[in-house]
Amino acid sequence: MNKISIYGKIIDITTPISPFTQIFPGDPIPEIEKVCTLEEKGCAVSKLSFGSHTGTHVDAPSHILKNGLTIDKLELKNLMGTALILDFSSLSGELTAGILETAFRKMEAPENIPILLLKTGVFSRKQGNAGKVSFPGEESDPQSMEFEKEKFGSAYLDESGAAWILENGFKTIGIDSFSVDNFYSETLPAHHILLSGNVNIVECLELSSIEAGTYFFICLPLKIEGCDGAPARTLLVT
């Protein structure tokens, strides 16, 4: 059984939510509105508005699978445990089974690690630009489009890579980009393989300053009944 020392170093790898948080095309832009102030009411209360896949978040199976589990039904024990971070920030394009296997063996990690995190070198969202990111063909200025071309040409799982994760018994896969699939994919094959196989997906991790290696991972999505996903506070403990 894994044990966490309360004296271990805690590293927050959560992308914060604000009106400036980068969002996937079509998702709601986050809004934080003050509805009560200390000066007027004696307490501060805010109204929060954002999508279920904003910032660091967990995809529930119901995100893409009919009759799939919703976020409040997930086994939290599968979102906590020893995690291996593999660094693919020097690569772009498909992460195949062969690429994953080679990187995994090179790390000489302990057996039966339940959680795999992929660092792809996507930009840090701690200091985001404007909230919306556009797909090619949508109205956007040339500088923004070049930014997107550069930043979203990162590594992603192909079908063989997703199948390798399932075959090797991982319970959770995390990534620092918007999607484990190709950013422009419409069919989301990796999502289907992983979520159909009861592998949790955590996206938009903040891994820019994290080195490859083994850590203890904690990810707690908001318990929103009947929802397809939820933002999560996500930590590494060393």
Protein backbone atom coordinates (compact mmCIF):
# COMPACT_ATOMS: atom_id res chain seq x y z
CA MET A 1 0.00 0.00 0.00
CA ASN A 2 1.27 3.49 -0.87
CA LYS A 3 1.67 5.89 2.02
CA ILE A 4 1.95 9.67 1.91
CA SER A 5 4.21 11.45 4.35
CA ILE A 6 2.66 14.64 5.64
CA TYR A 7 6.16 16.05 5.49
CA GLY A 8 6.51 15.40 1.77
CA LYS A 9 6.78 18.28 -0.68
CA ILE A 10 3.42 19.12 -2.25
CA ILE A 11 3.44 20.34 -5.86
CA ASP A 12 0.25 21.84 -7.23
CA ILE A 13 -0.15 20.87 -10.91
CA THR A 14 -3.61 22.41 -11.29
CA THR A 15 -4.33 24.92 -14.02
CA PRO A 16 -6.16 27.78 -12.27
CA ILE A 17 -9.60 28.91 -13.40
CA SER A 18 -10.07 32.58 -14.21
CA PRO A 19 -11.54 34.67 -17.05
CA PHE A 20 -8.12 34.28 -18.72
CA THR A 21 -7.96 30.48 -18.62
CA GLN A 22 -7.49 28.99 -22.08
CA ILE A 23 -10.51 26.91 -23.08
CA PHE A 24 -11.27 24.33 -25.72
CA PRO A 25 -13.15 25.74 -28.75
CA GLY A 26 -16.87 25.98 -28.04
CA ASP A 27 -16.56 25.66 -24.26
CA PRO A 28 -17.98 28.43 -22.06
CA ILE A 29 -15.59 31.24 -21.17
CA PRO A 30 -15.10 31.27 -17.38
CA GLU A 31 -16.79 34.10 -15.49
CA ILE A 32 -16.37 35.06 -11.85
CA GLU A 33 -18.87 37.66 -10.67
CA LYS A 34 -18.99 39.25 -7.24
CA VAL A 35 -22.54 39.11 -5.91
CA CYS A 36 -21.80 40.10 -2.30
CA THR A 37 -18.99 42.26 -0.96
CA LEU A 38 -17.56 42.76 2.50
CA GLU A 39 -18.37 46.45 2.32
CA GLU A 40 -22.06 45.96 1.42
CA LYS A 41 -23.01 42.62 3.02
CA GLY A 42 -20.27 41.85 5.50
CA CYS A 43 -19.17 38.80 3.51
CA ALA A 44 -17.85 38.06 0.06
CA VAL A 45 -19.72 35.70 -2.29
CA SER A 46 -19.04 35.09 -5.99
CA LYS A 47 -21.08 33.57 -8.80
CA LEU A 48 -19.03 31.08 -10.83
CA SER A 49 -19.72 30.16 -14.44
CA PHE A 50 -17.52 27.80 -16.45
CA GLY A 51 -17.66 24.57 -18.43
CA SER A 52 -17.25 21.13 -16.95
CA HIS A 53 -13.94 20.70 -18.83
CA THR A 54 -12.33 23.98 -17.77
CA GLY A 55 -8.75 24.09 -16.50
CA THR A 56 -7.39 20.86 -15.04
CA HIS A 57 -10.31 18.46 -15.23
CA VAL A 58 -11.37 14.82 -15.28
CA ASP A 59 -13.35 13.37 -18.18
CA ALA A 60 -16.12 11.05 -17.06
CA PRO A 61 -17.09 8.15 -19.38
CA SER A 62 -20.41 9.94 -20.01
CA HIS A 63 -18.37 12.63 -21.79
CA ILE A 64 -18.41 10.46 -24.92
CA LEU A 65 -20.10 7.15 -24.04
CA LYS A 66 -23.85 6.64 -23.96
CA ASN A 67 -24.86 5.45 -20.48
CA GLY A 68 -21.27 5.98 -19.30
CA LEU A 69 -20.56 6.76 -15.66
CA THR A 70 -20.89 10.37 -14.60
CA ILE A 71 -18.19 12.22 -12.68
CA ASP A 72 -19.81 11.69 -9.27
CA LYS A 73 -19.73 7.90 -9.77
CA LEU A 74 -15.98 7.51 -10.43
CA GLU A 75 -13.83 5.50 -8.02
CA LEU A 76 -11.61 8.08 -6.35
CA LYS A 77 -9.08 5.43 -5.39
CA ASN A 78 -8.16 5.17 -9.06
CA LEU A 79 -7.33 8.88 -9.12
CA MET A 80 -4.76 8.56 -6.34
CA GLY A 81 -1.54 6.59 -6.19
CA THR A 82 1.96 6.29 -7.56
CA ALA A 83 2.35 8.09 -10.87
CA LEU A 84 5.05 8.03 -13.51
CA ILE A 85 5.65 11.17 -15.54
CA LEU A 86 7.10 10.64 -19.03
CA ASP A 87 8.51 13.67 -20.86
CA PHE A 88 7.59 13.92 -24.54
CA SER A 89 8.03 17.69 -24.79
CA SER A 90 10.65 17.25 -27.53
CA LEU A 91 8.18 15.32 -29.71
CA SER A 92 5.12 16.20 -31.75
CA GLY A 93 2.53 14.02 -33.38
CA GLU A 94 1.41 10.52 -32.46
CA LEU A 95 2.55 8.74 -29.33
CA THR A 96 2.41 5.13 -30.45
CA ALA A 97 2.60 1.99 -28.34
CA GLY A 98 6.25 1.60 -29.36
CA ILE A 99 7.16 5.13 -28.28
CA LEU A 100 5.43 4.70 -24.93
CA GLU A 101 6.99 1.30 -24.32
CA THR A 102 10.51 2.60 -25.06
CA ALA A 103 10.10 5.63 -22.80
CA PHE A 104 8.59 3.52 -20.02
CA ARG A 105 11.43 0.98 -20.07
CA LYS A 106 14.04 3.74 -20.15
CA MET A 107 12.69 5.16 -16.88
CA GLU A 108 13.13 1.79 -15.13
CA ALA A 109 9.98 2.50 -13.13
CA PRO A 110 8.58 0.13 -10.49
CA GLU A 111 6.05 -2.42 -11.68
CA ASN A 112 2.28 -2.01 -11.33
CA ILE A 113 2.26 1.79 -11.35
CA PRO A 114 -1.43 2.74 -11.66
CA ILE A 115 -1.10 6.26 -13.05
CA LEU A 116 0.72 7.59 -16.12
CA LEU A 117 1.19 11.31 -16.81
CA LEU A 118 2.36 12.65 -20.16
CA LYS A 119 4.32 15.89 -20.39
CA THR A 120 4.04 17.20 -23.94
CA GLY A 121 5.46 20.68 -23.51
CA VAL A 122 2.21 22.50 -24.16
CA PHE A 123 2.31 26.11 -23.01
CA SER A 124 1.71 26.92 -19.37
CA ARG A 125 -1.82 28.11 -18.63
CA LYS A 126 -0.91 29.73 -15.31
CA GLN A 127 -0.61 33.01 -17.19
CA GLY A 128 -3.01 32.49 -20.07
CA ASN A 129 -3.87 34.87 -22.85
CA ALA A 130 -7.48 35.41 -23.83
CA GLY A 131 -9.83 32.61 -22.92
CA LYS A 132 -10.87 31.37 -26.36
CA VAL A 133 -8.84 29.24 -28.74
CA SER A 134 -10.14 28.82 -32.30
CA PHE A 135 -10.07 25.96 -34.76
CA PRO A 136 -8.63 26.58 -38.24
CA GLY A 137 -11.25 28.27 -40.36
CA GLU A 138 -12.86 30.08 -37.46
CA GLU A 139 -12.56 33.83 -37.28
CA SER A 140 -9.14 34.60 -35.83
CA ASP A 141 -6.21 36.91 -36.46
CA PRO A 142 -3.07 35.52 -38.19
CA GLN A 143 -0.92 35.89 -35.08
CA SER A 144 -3.41 33.88 -33.03
CA MET A 145 -3.60 31.17 -35.68
CA GLU A 146 0.19 30.87 -35.76
CA PHE A 147 0.17 30.62 -31.98
CA GLU A 148 -2.32 27.78 -32.17
CA LYS A 149 -0.38 25.96 -34.88
CA GLU A 150 2.75 26.11 -32.75
CA LYS A 151 1.19 25.23 -29.42
CA PHE A 152 -1.26 22.52 -30.42
CA GLY A 153 1.10 20.52 -32.62
CA SER A 154 2.14 18.67 -29.47
CA ALA A 155 2.29 14.95 -28.82
CA TYR A 156 -0.94 12.99 -28.41
CA LEU A 157 -2.04 9.36 -28.14
CA ASP A 158 -2.86 7.38 -31.24
CA GLU A 159 -5.03 4.27 -31.02
CA SER A 160 -2.09 1.95 -30.37
CA GLY A 161 -0.82 4.23 -27.60
CA ALA A 162 -4.23 4.28 -25.92
CA ALA A 163 -4.46 0.49 -26.24
CA TRP A 164 -0.97 0.14 -24.71
CA ILE A 165 -2.11 2.11 -21.65
CA LEU A 166 -5.13 -0.12 -21.26
CA GLU A 167 -3.14 -3.33 -21.76
CA ASN A 168 -0.56 -2.30 -19.17
CA GLY A 169 -3.17 -1.87 -16.46
CA PHE A 170 -3.02 1.87 -15.87
CA LYS A 171 -6.08 3.23 -14.05
CA THR A 172 -5.55 6.90 -14.87
CA ILE A 173 -3.85 8.75 -17.72
CA GLY A 174 -3.08 12.46 -17.45
CA ILE A 175 -1.76 14.98 -19.96
CA ASP A 176 -0.83 18.66 -19.96
CA SER A 177 -2.74 19.47 -23.16
CA PHE A 178 -6.43 19.96 -23.88
CA SER A 179 -6.88 16.39 -25.07
CA VAL A 180 -5.27 12.95 -25.04
CA ASP A 181 -6.35 12.85 -28.69
CA ASN A 182 -5.16 14.99 -31.56
CA PHE A 183 -6.38 18.52 -30.79
CA TYR A 184 -8.28 18.61 -34.10
CA SER A 185 -9.74 15.09 -33.92
CA GLU A 186 -13.51 14.77 -34.27
CA THR A 187 -13.77 11.03 -33.56
CA LEU A 188 -11.61 10.96 -30.37
CA PRO A 189 -10.34 7.36 -30.72
CA ALA A 190 -8.07 7.53 -27.65
CA HIS A 191 -10.95 8.80 -25.51
CA HIS A 192 -13.15 5.92 -26.65
CA ILE A 193 -10.50 3.27 -26.00
CA LEU A 194 -9.55 4.61 -22.58
CA LEU A 195 -12.98 5.46 -21.19
CA SER A 196 -14.48 2.24 -22.54
CA GLY A 197 -11.71 0.43 -20.66
CA ASN A 198 -12.40 2.26 -17.38
CA VAL A 199 -9.22 4.34 -17.57
CA ASN A 200 -9.68 7.82 -16.10
CA ILE A 201 -8.57 10.79 -18.21
CA VAL A 202 -7.16 13.95 -16.63
CA GLU A 203 -6.41 16.85 -18.99
CA CYS A 204 -4.85 20.32 -18.81
CA LEU A 205 -2.33 19.46 -16.10
CA GLU A 206 0.32 22.09 -15.33
CA LEU A 207 3.55 20.16 -15.87
CA SER A 208 5.81 22.84 -17.32
CA SER A 209 8.19 22.85 -14.34
CA ILE A 210 7.88 19.14 -13.46
CA GLU A 211 10.65 16.68 -14.29
CA ALA A 212 10.05 13.12 -15.46
CA GLY A 213 10.01 10.61 -12.64
CA THR A 214 7.86 8.94 -10.02
CA TYR A 215 5.55 10.85 -7.68
CA PHE A 216 2.46 10.28 -5.55
CA PHE A 217 -0.57 11.68 -7.40
CA ILE A 218 -3.82 13.04 -5.97
CA CYS A 219 -6.70 14.21 -8.16
CA LEU A 220 -10.09 15.12 -6.71
CA PRO A 221 -12.74 16.24 -9.22
CA LEU A 222 -15.72 18.24 -8.01
CA LYS A 223 -18.63 15.97 -7.12
CA ILE A 224 -21.24 17.26 -9.56
CA GLU A 225 -24.16 14.86 -9.87
CA GLY A 226 -24.88 13.55 -13.35
CA CYS A 227 -22.10 15.55 -15.02
CA ASP A 228 -19.78 14.52 -17.87
CA GLY A 229 -16.65 15.88 -16.22
CA ALA A 230 -15.45 18.34 -13.62
CA PRO A 231 -12.51 20.58 -12.74
CA ALA A 232 -10.15 19.02 -10.22
CA ARG A 233 -7.48 20.08 -7.74
CA THR A 234 -4.49 17.95 -8.64
CA LEU A 235 -1.30 17.47 -6.65
CA LEU A 236 2.00 15.63 -6.70
CA VAL A 237 3.67 14.61 -3.43
CA THR A 238 7.38 13.81 -3.35
